Amino acid sequence: MKYWKLFISFFKIGLFTFGGGLSMLPFIERTVVEKEKWLTDKEMLDMIAISEATPGPIAVNCATFVGHKVGNILGGIVATLGVVLPSFIIICIISIFYEQFIEIEVIKWAFLGIKAGVAALIFFAGVKILKKSPHNLFSFAIMLLAIEISLFTSVKTFWIILAGLIVGVVFYVLLNHFESKKVQLVEETTEVTEETEETKEEGDLE
């Protein structure tokens, strides 16, 4: 039953969304977080980060991630098939009638409308991710730097993501190091204070 639900859920996502993986994110989030409760908000953010940092389309990676979490390896296979099958079927049909299809005036205008809608969906997905992301100075600094690099340089997205990953790991290691040092210092200070008080009490007794 869970495998059928996984297949149908991701089949609908693949069938009714246009514009690639990023435009699918609001539909994936609505299905796996709000409706089916397969993931929490935090797990959804982690899934997006992992899907972006690994090779392949983000929608396929997301489907594999969710499917594996819900139904192990078979669940990952079923969910992945569900999300890619609609595109495969539609592209096969279009390729047969491509020449006639692309010349239809209504189709041309339809694609213009779809492009505008896709842009809005991607923007909406970005806003939702931003709202649920950690709100701290480090996160905002990385986000602004990544936006500037992607807009004003020719650096590929993969390298921006990889750099963010490395900076995040280094920041986490350093933060943990300083936190442990802080805890150690507090413990040492507490021990010294206790020893001083004990010595003082012994002196008073004498």
Protein backbone atom coordinates (compact mmCIF):
# COMPACT_ATOMS: atom_id res chain seq x y z
CA MET A 1 0.00 0.00 0.00
CA LYS A 2 2.77 2.46 0.91
CA TYR A 3 4.58 1.71 -2.34
CA TRP A 4 1.46 2.42 -4.37
CA LYS A 5 0.93 5.68 -2.44
CA LEU A 6 4.56 6.67 -3.11
CA PHE A 7 4.20 5.92 -6.82
CA ILE A 8 0.88 7.77 -7.23
CA SER A 9 2.04 10.80 -5.19
CA PHE A 10 5.18 11.31 -7.25
CA PHE A 11 3.42 10.42 -10.49
CA LYS A 12 1.02 13.33 -9.84
CA ILE A 13 3.95 15.63 -9.05
CA GLY A 14 5.67 14.64 -12.31
CA LEU A 15 2.46 14.94 -14.32
CA PHE A 16 1.11 18.29 -13.15
CA THR A 17 4.28 20.39 -12.77
CA PHE A 18 6.27 22.14 -15.49
CA GLY A 19 9.70 23.75 -15.59
CA GLY A 20 11.92 21.19 -13.92
CA GLY A 21 12.82 20.30 -10.38
CA LEU A 22 12.85 23.74 -8.73
CA SER A 23 9.28 24.45 -9.81
CA MET A 24 8.29 21.06 -8.35
CA LEU A 25 9.52 21.92 -4.85
CA PRO A 26 6.27 23.58 -3.64
CA PHE A 27 4.28 20.52 -4.79
CA ILE A 28 6.78 18.09 -3.27
CA GLU A 29 6.73 20.02 0.01
CA ARG A 30 2.92 20.09 0.07
CA THR A 31 2.74 16.34 -0.58
CA VAL A 32 5.52 14.91 1.57
CA VAL A 33 5.39 17.39 4.50
CA GLU A 34 1.87 18.77 4.78
CA LYS A 35 -0.28 15.96 3.36
CA GLU A 36 1.50 12.62 3.90
CA LYS A 37 3.79 13.70 6.81
CA TRP A 38 6.66 11.65 5.37
CA LEU A 39 9.16 14.41 6.21
CA THR A 40 9.43 17.23 8.73
CA ASP A 41 10.23 20.81 7.66
CA LYS A 42 13.86 20.32 8.74
CA GLU A 43 14.14 17.04 6.83
CA MET A 44 12.68 18.78 3.76
CA LEU A 45 15.41 21.44 3.90
CA ASP A 46 18.08 18.77 4.37
CA MET A 47 16.66 16.83 1.41
CA ILE A 48 16.80 19.91 -0.84
CA ALA A 49 20.40 20.59 0.19
CA ILE A 50 21.42 16.96 -0.47
CA SER A 51 19.50 16.84 -3.77
CA GLU A 52 21.17 20.03 -5.00
CA ALA A 53 24.63 18.86 -3.94
CA THR A 54 24.41 15.48 -5.68
CA PRO A 55 24.39 14.78 -9.46
CA GLY A 56 21.08 14.49 -11.28
CA PRO A 57 17.78 16.41 -11.45
CA ILE A 58 16.62 17.70 -8.06
CA ALA A 59 13.11 16.24 -8.48
CA VAL A 60 14.49 12.74 -9.12
CA ASN A 61 16.89 13.03 -6.18
CA CYS A 62 14.06 14.23 -3.92
CA ALA A 63 11.82 11.35 -5.00
CA THR A 64 14.60 8.82 -4.36
CA PHE A 65 15.33 10.35 -0.95
CA VAL A 66 11.70 10.33 0.19
CA GLY A 67 11.02 6.89 -1.28
CA HIS A 68 14.03 5.38 0.47
CA LYS A 69 13.03 6.97 3.80
CA VAL A 70 9.48 5.62 3.54
CA GLY A 71 10.13 2.23 1.91
CA ASN A 72 13.88 1.61 1.78
CA ILE A 73 15.44 0.66 -1.60
CA LEU A 74 12.18 -0.50 -3.19
CA GLY A 75 10.48 2.71 -2.04
CA GLY A 76 13.25 4.78 -3.64
CA ILE A 77 12.87 2.92 -6.94
CA VAL A 78 9.06 3.23 -6.93
CA ALA A 79 9.05 6.96 -6.11
CA THR A 80 11.73 7.66 -8.75
CA LEU A 81 9.77 5.78 -11.40
CA GLY A 82 6.65 7.68 -10.42
CA VAL A 83 8.23 11.12 -10.88
CA VAL A 84 10.00 10.38 -14.22
CA LEU A 85 7.33 8.30 -15.94
CA PRO A 86 4.94 11.18 -16.87
CA SER A 87 7.73 13.17 -18.53
CA PHE A 88 8.96 10.08 -20.37
CA ILE A 89 5.48 9.29 -21.75
CA ILE A 90 4.70 12.90 -22.72
CA ILE A 91 8.08 13.47 -24.42
CA CYS A 92 7.72 10.23 -26.38
CA ILE A 93 4.29 11.35 -27.66
CA ILE A 94 5.46 14.91 -28.47
CA SER A 95 8.54 13.63 -30.33
CA ILE A 96 6.31 11.73 -32.72
CA PHE A 97 4.32 14.84 -33.67
CA TYR A 98 6.98 17.48 -32.88
CA GLU A 99 7.01 19.31 -36.22
CA GLN A 100 3.22 19.69 -36.31
CA PHE A 101 3.00 20.33 -32.57
CA ILE A 102 5.50 23.21 -32.37
CA GLU A 103 3.90 25.12 -35.27
CA ILE A 104 0.51 25.43 -33.57
CA GLU A 105 0.05 29.09 -32.56
CA VAL A 106 -1.89 28.26 -29.41
CA ILE A 107 0.94 25.99 -28.23
CA LYS A 108 3.48 28.82 -28.64
CA TRP A 109 1.42 31.15 -26.47
CA ALA A 110 0.81 28.35 -23.98
CA PHE A 111 4.55 27.87 -23.54
CA LEU A 112 5.02 31.60 -22.91
CA GLY A 113 2.43 31.39 -20.16
CA ILE A 114 4.03 28.28 -18.72
CA LYS A 115 7.44 30.02 -18.55
CA ALA A 116 5.95 32.90 -16.56
CA GLY A 117 4.18 30.48 -14.24
CA VAL A 118 7.37 28.46 -13.72
CA ALA A 119 9.27 31.61 -12.75
CA ALA A 120 6.62 32.39 -10.14
CA LEU A 121 6.76 28.81 -8.78
CA ILE A 122 10.55 28.91 -8.44
CA PHE A 123 10.34 32.28 -6.65
CA PHE A 124 7.65 30.90 -4.33
CA ALA A 125 9.81 27.85 -3.58
CA GLY A 126 12.76 30.10 -2.75
CA VAL A 127 10.67 32.21 -0.37
CA LYS A 128 9.35 29.12 1.45
CA ILE A 129 12.86 27.68 1.82
CA LEU A 130 14.13 31.03 3.12
CA LYS A 131 11.36 31.20 5.74
CA LYS A 132 12.18 27.72 7.06
CA SER A 133 15.97 28.07 6.91
CA PRO A 134 18.06 28.91 10.01
CA HIS A 135 17.85 32.65 10.66
CA ASN A 136 21.34 33.65 11.76
CA LEU A 137 24.07 36.01 10.56
CA PHE A 138 26.19 33.20 9.09
CA SER A 139 23.31 31.81 6.98
CA PHE A 140 22.34 35.24 5.63
CA ALA A 141 25.98 36.06 4.80
CA ILE A 142 26.41 32.81 2.85
CA MET A 143 23.08 33.34 1.06
CA LEU A 144 23.91 36.92 -0.01
CA LEU A 145 27.39 35.91 -1.13
CA ALA A 146 26.00 32.99 -3.17
CA ILE A 147 23.42 35.28 -4.83
CA GLU A 148 26.08 37.85 -5.76
CA ILE A 149 28.41 35.18 -7.19
CA SER A 150 25.64 33.55 -9.24
CA LEU A 151 24.35 36.88 -10.60
CA PHE A 152 27.59 38.72 -11.34
CA THR A 153 30.07 35.96 -12.19
CA SER A 154 30.20 32.96 -14.50
CA VAL A 155 30.90 30.49 -11.67
CA LYS A 156 28.80 27.36 -12.11
CA THR A 157 26.11 26.50 -9.57
CA PHE A 158 27.85 23.25 -8.62
CA TRP A 159 30.94 25.12 -7.37
CA ILE A 160 28.82 27.58 -5.40
CA ILE A 161 27.01 24.70 -3.68
CA LEU A 162 30.30 22.87 -3.05
CA ALA A 163 31.87 26.02 -1.58
CA GLY A 164 28.85 26.53 0.66
CA LEU A 165 29.12 22.92 1.82
CA ILE A 166 32.82 23.30 2.69
CA VAL A 167 32.33 26.64 4.45
CA GLY A 168 29.39 25.20 6.42
CA VAL A 169 31.43 22.18 7.56
CA VAL A 170 34.42 24.35 8.55
CA PHE A 171 32.15 26.78 10.43
CA TYR A 172 30.45 23.89 12.25
CA VAL A 173 33.80 22.32 13.26
CA LEU A 174 35.21 25.64 14.49
CA LEU A 175 31.98 26.46 16.34
CA ASN A 176 32.02 23.08 18.09
CA HIS A 177 35.70 23.54 18.94
CA PHE A 178 35.14 26.95 20.53
CA GLU A 179 32.01 25.72 22.34
CA SER A 180 33.91 22.77 23.83
CA LYS A 181 36.75 25.09 24.87
CA LYS A 182 34.20 27.42 26.47
CA VAL A 183 32.59 24.55 28.39
CA GLN A 184 36.01 23.29 29.47
CA LEU A 185 36.99 26.78 30.68
CA VAL A 186 33.73 27.11 32.64
CA GLU A 187 34.28 23.70 34.26
CA GLU A 188 37.87 24.58 35.19
CA THR A 189 36.76 27.93 36.63
CA THR A 190 34.04 26.18 38.64
CA GLU A 191 36.54 23.64 40.00
CA VAL A 192 38.98 26.39 41.01
CA THR A 193 36.17 28.32 42.71
CA GLU A 194 35.03 25.23 44.60
CA GLU A 195 38.59 24.44 45.68
CA THR A 196 39.07 28.04 46.86
CA GLU A 197 35.84 27.92 48.86
CA GLU A 198 36.83 24.58 50.42
CA THR A 199 40.25 25.94 51.38
CA LYS A 200 38.62 29.02 52.88
CA GLU A 201 36.18 26.90 54.89
CA GLU A 202 39.03 24.72 56.20
CA GLY A 203 40.93 27.86 57.23
CA ASP A 204 37.90 29.20 59.06
CA LEU A 205 37.50 25.89 60.95
CA GLU A 206 41.15 25.98 62.07
